[in-house]
Amino acid sequence: MIDRGSHGSVRIIEGAHVGIVGYYDSDEFVTCKDLGEMGLPVPEGAGPRKKVELAIVYLGVPFESEWTLLPYSWLEVYRSEELVKWIAEHRDEAQILGVEERAK
């Protein structure tokens, strides 16, 4: 599990995208009703209007690939050599967007 705000490369360890390396970029609040409609686990005893925070994760290259909302517990810290290469090739974009890679 990752901590909220620990942006960077992650590996998805549960759900439909298990095994995919992505980029955790930001966070978004959704209602429990929306969680259920998305097929994500709803906290026990939570009403439909209760809000839950999820990670916004790009499934590949940051800001260029499809993204999804995932629970933090479904993510683990991961150092992506592909992201290191992308940052090196797109230094200006990476700096403007605040994309950084985790230290080894």
N, C-alpha and C. Protein backbone atom coordinates (compact mmCIF):
# COMPACT_ATOMS: atom_id res chain seq x y z
N MET A 1 0.84 -1.19 0.00
CA MET A 1 0.00 0.00 0.00
C MET A 1 0.88 1.24 0.00
N ILE A 2 0.45 2.24 -0.73
CA ILE A 2 1.18 3.51 -0.73
C ILE A 2 0.44 4.51 0.15
N ASP A 3 1.14 5.55 0.52
CA ASP A 3 0.54 6.63 1.29
C ASP A 3 0.00 7.69 0.35
N ARG A 4 -1.08 8.33 0.75
CA ARG A 4 -1.64 9.45 0.00
C ARG A 4 -0.55 10.49 -0.21
N GLY A 5 -0.43 10.98 -1.43
CA GLY A 5 0.55 12.01 -1.74
C GLY A 5 1.92 11.48 -2.11
N SER A 6 2.11 10.17 -2.09
CA SER A 6 3.39 9.55 -2.44
C SER A 6 3.43 9.32 -3.95
N HIS A 7 3.36 10.42 -4.70
CA HIS A 7 3.25 10.35 -6.16
C HIS A 7 4.49 9.74 -6.79
N GLY A 8 4.29 9.09 -7.92
CA GLY A 8 5.38 8.46 -8.65
C GLY A 8 4.94 7.11 -9.20
N SER A 9 5.91 6.32 -9.61
CA SER A 9 5.61 5.01 -10.18
C SER A 9 5.03 4.08 -9.14
N VAL A 10 4.05 3.30 -9.57
CA VAL A 10 3.42 2.32 -8.70
C VAL A 10 3.15 1.05 -9.51
N ARG A 11 3.06 -0.06 -8.79
CA ARG A 11 2.59 -1.30 -9.41
C ARG A 11 1.22 -1.58 -8.81
N ILE A 12 0.28 -1.95 -9.67
CA ILE A 12 -1.07 -2.26 -9.22
C ILE A 12 -1.09 -3.72 -8.77
N ILE A 13 -1.53 -3.94 -7.52
CA ILE A 13 -1.45 -5.27 -6.93
C ILE A 13 -2.81 -5.94 -6.73
N GLU A 14 -3.90 -5.26 -7.07
CA GLU A 14 -5.25 -5.84 -6.97
C GLU A 14 -6.12 -5.26 -8.07
N GLY A 15 -7.22 -5.93 -8.34
CA GLY A 15 -8.20 -5.41 -9.28
C GLY A 15 -7.93 -5.79 -10.73
N ALA A 16 -8.67 -5.17 -11.63
CA ALA A 16 -8.63 -5.50 -13.05
C ALA A 16 -7.29 -5.21 -13.71
N HIS A 17 -6.50 -4.29 -13.14
CA HIS A 17 -5.23 -3.90 -13.76
C HIS A 17 -4.02 -4.49 -13.02
N VAL A 18 -4.22 -5.55 -12.26
CA VAL A 18 -3.15 -6.13 -11.46
C VAL A 18 -1.91 -6.42 -12.32
N GLY A 19 -0.74 -6.06 -11.78
CA GLY A 19 0.53 -6.28 -12.47
C GLY A 19 0.99 -5.13 -13.35
N ILE A 20 0.10 -4.21 -13.65
CA ILE A 20 0.47 -3.06 -14.50
C ILE A 20 1.25 -2.04 -13.68
N VAL A 21 2.29 -1.49 -14.30
CA VAL A 21 3.04 -0.40 -13.69
C VAL A 21 2.44 0.89 -14.22
N GLY A 22 2.11 1.79 -13.31
CA GLY A 22 1.50 3.05 -13.69
C GLY A 22 2.16 4.22 -12.97
N TYR A 23 1.54 5.38 -13.10
CA TYR A 23 2.05 6.59 -12.47
C TYR A 23 0.94 7.21 -11.62
N TYR A 24 1.17 7.23 -10.30
CA TYR A 24 0.22 7.85 -9.37
C TYR A 24 0.47 9.34 -9.40
N ASP A 25 -0.54 10.07 -9.87
CA ASP A 25 -0.38 11.50 -10.11
C ASP A 25 -1.10 12.38 -9.10
N SER A 26 -2.29 12.01 -8.71
CA SER A 26 -3.10 12.92 -7.90
C SER A 26 -4.15 12.10 -7.16
N ASP A 27 -5.11 12.82 -6.55
CA ASP A 27 -6.15 12.18 -5.76
C ASP A 27 -7.50 12.80 -6.11
N GLU A 28 -8.55 12.00 -5.91
CA GLU A 28 -9.89 12.50 -6.20
C GLU A 28 -10.88 11.86 -5.22
N PHE A 29 -11.84 12.67 -4.77
CA PHE A 29 -12.90 12.16 -3.90
C PHE A 29 -14.06 11.68 -4.76
N VAL A 30 -14.62 10.52 -4.41
CA VAL A 30 -15.82 10.00 -5.06
C VAL A 30 -16.77 9.52 -3.97
N THR A 31 -18.05 9.45 -4.29
CA THR A 31 -19.02 8.96 -3.32
C THR A 31 -18.99 7.43 -3.29
N CYS A 32 -19.48 6.86 -2.21
CA CYS A 32 -19.57 5.41 -2.11
C CYS A 32 -20.50 4.85 -3.18
N LYS A 33 -21.51 5.61 -3.55
CA LYS A 33 -22.39 5.19 -4.65
C LYS A 33 -21.58 5.03 -5.92
N ASP A 34 -20.71 6.02 -6.21
CA ASP A 34 -19.85 5.94 -7.40
C ASP A 34 -18.88 4.77 -7.30
N LEU A 35 -18.33 4.52 -6.10
CA LEU A 35 -17.43 3.38 -5.91
C LEU A 35 -18.10 2.09 -6.36
N GLY A 36 -19.33 1.89 -5.87
CA GLY A 36 -20.06 0.68 -6.22
C GLY A 36 -20.29 0.56 -7.72
N GLU A 37 -20.63 1.68 -8.36
CA GLU A 37 -20.86 1.68 -9.80
C GLU A 37 -19.59 1.40 -10.59
N MET A 38 -18.44 1.77 -10.00
CA MET A 38 -17.14 1.53 -10.64
C MET A 38 -16.63 0.11 -10.37
N GLY A 39 -17.33 -0.63 -9.53
CA GLY A 39 -16.91 -1.98 -9.21
C GLY A 39 -15.79 -2.04 -8.18
N LEU A 40 -15.61 -0.94 -7.44
CA LEU A 40 -14.57 -0.89 -6.40
C LEU A 40 -15.20 -1.18 -5.04
N PRO A 41 -14.41 -1.66 -4.09
CA PRO A 41 -14.97 -2.01 -2.78
C PRO A 41 -15.50 -0.78 -2.04
N VAL A 42 -16.67 -0.93 -1.45
CA VAL A 42 -17.30 0.13 -0.67
C VAL A 42 -17.05 -0.16 0.80
N PRO A 43 -16.59 0.83 1.58
CA PRO A 43 -16.36 0.61 3.01
C PRO A 43 -17.63 0.10 3.70
N GLU A 44 -17.45 -0.88 4.55
CA GLU A 44 -18.59 -1.48 5.26
C GLU A 44 -19.33 -0.43 6.07
N GLY A 45 -20.64 -0.41 5.94
CA GLY A 45 -21.48 0.50 6.70
C GLY A 45 -21.53 1.92 6.18
N ALA A 46 -20.84 2.21 5.08
CA ALA A 46 -20.82 3.57 4.53
C ALA A 46 -22.08 3.84 3.71
N GLY A 47 -22.66 5.01 3.92
CA GLY A 47 -23.82 5.41 3.13
C GLY A 47 -23.41 5.82 1.73
N PRO A 48 -24.37 5.92 0.81
CA PRO A 48 -24.06 6.22 -0.60
C PRO A 48 -23.44 7.60 -0.81
N ARG A 49 -23.67 8.53 0.11
CA ARG A 49 -23.13 9.89 -0.06
C ARG A 49 -21.78 10.11 0.59
N LYS A 50 -21.32 9.13 1.38
CA LYS A 50 -20.00 9.26 2.01
C LYS A 50 -18.94 9.34 0.92
N LYS A 51 -17.97 10.22 1.10
CA LYS A 51 -16.92 10.39 0.11
C LYS A 51 -15.66 9.64 0.54
N VAL A 52 -15.02 9.05 -0.45
CA VAL A 52 -13.80 8.29 -0.26
C VAL A 52 -12.76 8.83 -1.22
N GLU A 53 -11.51 8.92 -0.77
CA GLU A 53 -10.45 9.43 -1.64
C GLU A 53 -9.74 8.27 -2.33
N LEU A 54 -9.50 8.43 -3.63
CA LEU A 54 -8.81 7.44 -4.44
C LEU A 54 -7.62 8.07 -5.15
N ALA A 55 -6.69 7.22 -5.57
CA ALA A 55 -5.53 7.68 -6.33
C ALA A 55 -5.88 7.72 -7.82
N ILE A 56 -5.45 8.78 -8.50
CA ILE A 56 -5.54 8.85 -9.95
C ILE A 56 -4.25 8.24 -10.48
N VAL A 57 -4.38 7.15 -11.24
CA VAL A 57 -3.21 6.42 -11.73
C VAL A 57 -3.27 6.32 -13.24
N TYR A 58 -2.21 6.81 -13.90
CA TYR A 58 -2.08 6.65 -15.35
C TYR A 58 -1.54 5.25 -15.61
N LEU A 59 -2.14 4.53 -16.54
CA LEU A 59 -1.75 3.16 -16.84
C LEU A 59 -0.69 3.15 -17.92
N GLY A 60 0.46 3.67 -17.59
CA GLY A 60 1.56 3.78 -18.55
C GLY A 60 2.21 5.13 -18.40
N VAL A 61 2.44 5.81 -19.51
CA VAL A 61 3.12 7.10 -19.53
C VAL A 61 2.23 8.18 -18.90
N PRO A 62 2.79 8.97 -17.97
CA PRO A 62 1.98 10.02 -17.34
C PRO A 62 1.40 10.99 -18.37
N PHE A 63 0.13 11.31 -18.20
CA PHE A 63 -0.58 12.32 -18.97
C PHE A 63 -0.78 11.97 -20.44
N GLU A 64 -0.29 10.82 -20.88
CA GLU A 64 -0.45 10.40 -22.28
C GLU A 64 -1.29 9.14 -22.40
N SER A 65 -1.44 8.41 -21.32
CA SER A 65 -2.15 7.13 -21.38
C SER A 65 -3.45 7.21 -20.60
N GLU A 66 -4.22 6.14 -20.71
CA GLU A 66 -5.49 6.04 -19.98
C GLU A 66 -5.22 6.11 -18.48
N TRP A 67 -6.17 6.69 -17.74
CA TRP A 67 -6.03 6.74 -16.29
C TRP A 67 -7.23 6.09 -15.64
N THR A 68 -7.07 5.76 -14.37
CA THR A 68 -8.15 5.15 -13.61
C THR A 68 -8.06 5.61 -12.15
N LEU A 69 -9.11 5.41 -11.41
CA LEU A 69 -9.13 5.70 -9.97
C LEU A 69 -9.01 4.38 -9.22
N LEU A 70 -8.08 4.33 -8.27
CA LEU A 70 -7.84 3.10 -7.52
C LEU A 70 -7.64 3.38 -6.04
N PRO A 71 -8.04 2.43 -5.19
CA PRO A 71 -7.76 2.57 -3.75
C PRO A 71 -6.25 2.50 -3.51
N TYR A 72 -5.78 3.24 -2.53
CA TYR A 72 -4.35 3.24 -2.19
C TYR A 72 -3.87 1.84 -1.83
N SER A 73 -4.74 1.05 -1.22
CA SER A 73 -4.35 -0.29 -0.79
C SER A 73 -4.07 -1.22 -1.98
N TRP A 74 -4.46 -0.83 -3.17
CA TRP A 74 -4.22 -1.63 -4.37
C TRP A 74 -2.91 -1.28 -5.06
N LEU A 75 -2.13 -0.38 -4.46
CA LEU A 75 -0.90 0.11 -5.10
C LEU A 75 0.31 -0.14 -4.21
N GLU A 76 1.46 -0.38 -4.86
CA GLU A 76 2.71 -0.47 -4.12
C GLU A 76 3.75 0.38 -4.83
N VAL A 77 4.69 0.89 -4.07
CA VAL A 77 5.78 1.70 -4.62
C VAL A 77 6.58 0.86 -5.60
N TYR A 78 6.96 1.46 -6.71
CA TYR A 78 7.71 0.75 -7.74
C TYR A 78 8.59 1.74 -8.48
N ARG A 79 9.82 1.36 -8.73
CA ARG A 79 10.72 2.22 -9.52
C ARG A 79 10.66 1.74 -10.97
N SER A 80 10.22 2.60 -11.85
CA SER A 80 10.00 2.25 -13.26
C SER A 80 11.13 2.80 -14.13
N GLU A 81 11.88 1.89 -14.73
CA GLU A 81 12.94 2.32 -15.65
C GLU A 81 12.34 2.96 -16.90
N GLU A 82 11.13 2.54 -17.27
CA GLU A 82 10.45 3.14 -18.41
C GLU A 82 10.15 4.62 -18.14
N LEU A 83 9.75 4.92 -16.88
CA LEU A 83 9.47 6.31 -16.53
C LEU A 83 10.76 7.12 -16.49
N VAL A 84 11.84 6.53 -16.00
CA VAL A 84 13.14 7.22 -16.00
C VAL A 84 13.50 7.61 -17.43
N LYS A 85 13.31 6.67 -18.37
CA LYS A 85 13.61 6.94 -19.78
C LYS A 85 12.70 8.04 -20.33
N TRP A 86 11.39 7.98 -20.02
CA TRP A 86 10.45 8.99 -20.51
C TRP A 86 10.83 10.37 -19.98
N ILE A 87 11.18 10.46 -18.72
CA ILE A 87 11.58 11.75 -18.13
C ILE A 87 12.81 12.29 -18.85
N ALA A 88 13.80 11.42 -19.11
CA ALA A 88 15.02 11.84 -19.81
C ALA A 88 14.71 12.36 -21.21
N GLU A 89 13.75 11.73 -21.88
CA GLU A 89 13.40 12.13 -23.25
C GLU A 89 12.47 13.34 -23.30
N HIS A 90 11.79 13.65 -22.20
CA HIS A 90 10.80 14.72 -22.16
C HIS A 90 11.05 15.63 -20.95
N ARG A 91 12.28 16.07 -20.79
CA ARG A 91 12.66 16.84 -19.59
C ARG A 91 11.79 18.07 -19.36
N ASP A 92 11.54 18.84 -20.42
CA ASP A 92 10.73 20.06 -20.26
C ASP A 92 9.31 19.74 -19.82
N GLU A 93 8.69 18.77 -20.48
CA GLU A 93 7.33 18.38 -20.11
C GLU A 93 7.30 17.84 -18.68
N ALA A 94 8.26 17.00 -18.35
CA ALA A 94 8.30 16.41 -17.01
C ALA A 94 8.43 17.50 -15.95
N GLN A 95 9.25 18.49 -16.21
CA GLN A 95 9.44 19.58 -15.24
C GLN A 95 8.16 20.40 -15.10
N ILE A 96 7.54 20.76 -16.21
CA ILE A 96 6.30 21.54 -16.17
C ILE A 96 5.19 20.78 -15.44
N LEU A 97 5.08 19.47 -15.69
CA LEU A 97 4.03 18.65 -15.10
C LEU A 97 4.37 18.15 -13.70
N GLY A 98 5.62 18.34 -13.28
CA GLY A 98 6.03 17.89 -11.96
C GLY A 98 6.22 16.39 -11.85
N VAL A 99 6.52 15.75 -12.97
CA VAL A 99 6.73 14.29 -12.97
C VAL A 99 8.15 14.00 -12.49
N GLU A 100 8.25 13.19 -11.45
CA GLU A 100 9.55 12.79 -10.93
C GLU A 100 9.54 11.28 -10.71
N GLU A 101 10.72 10.69 -10.74
CA GLU A 101 10.84 9.27 -10.46
C GLU A 101 11.36 9.09 -9.05
N ARG A 102 11.01 7.97 -8.47
CA ARG A 102 11.45 7.64 -7.13
C ARG A 102 12.94 7.33 -7.12
N ALA A 103 13.59 7.61 -6.02
CA ALA A 103 15.00 7.24 -5.87
C ALA A 103 15.09 5.73 -5.76
N LYS A 104 16.27 5.19 -6.09
CA LYS A 104 16.47 3.73 -5.98
C LYS A 104 16.37 3.28 -4.57
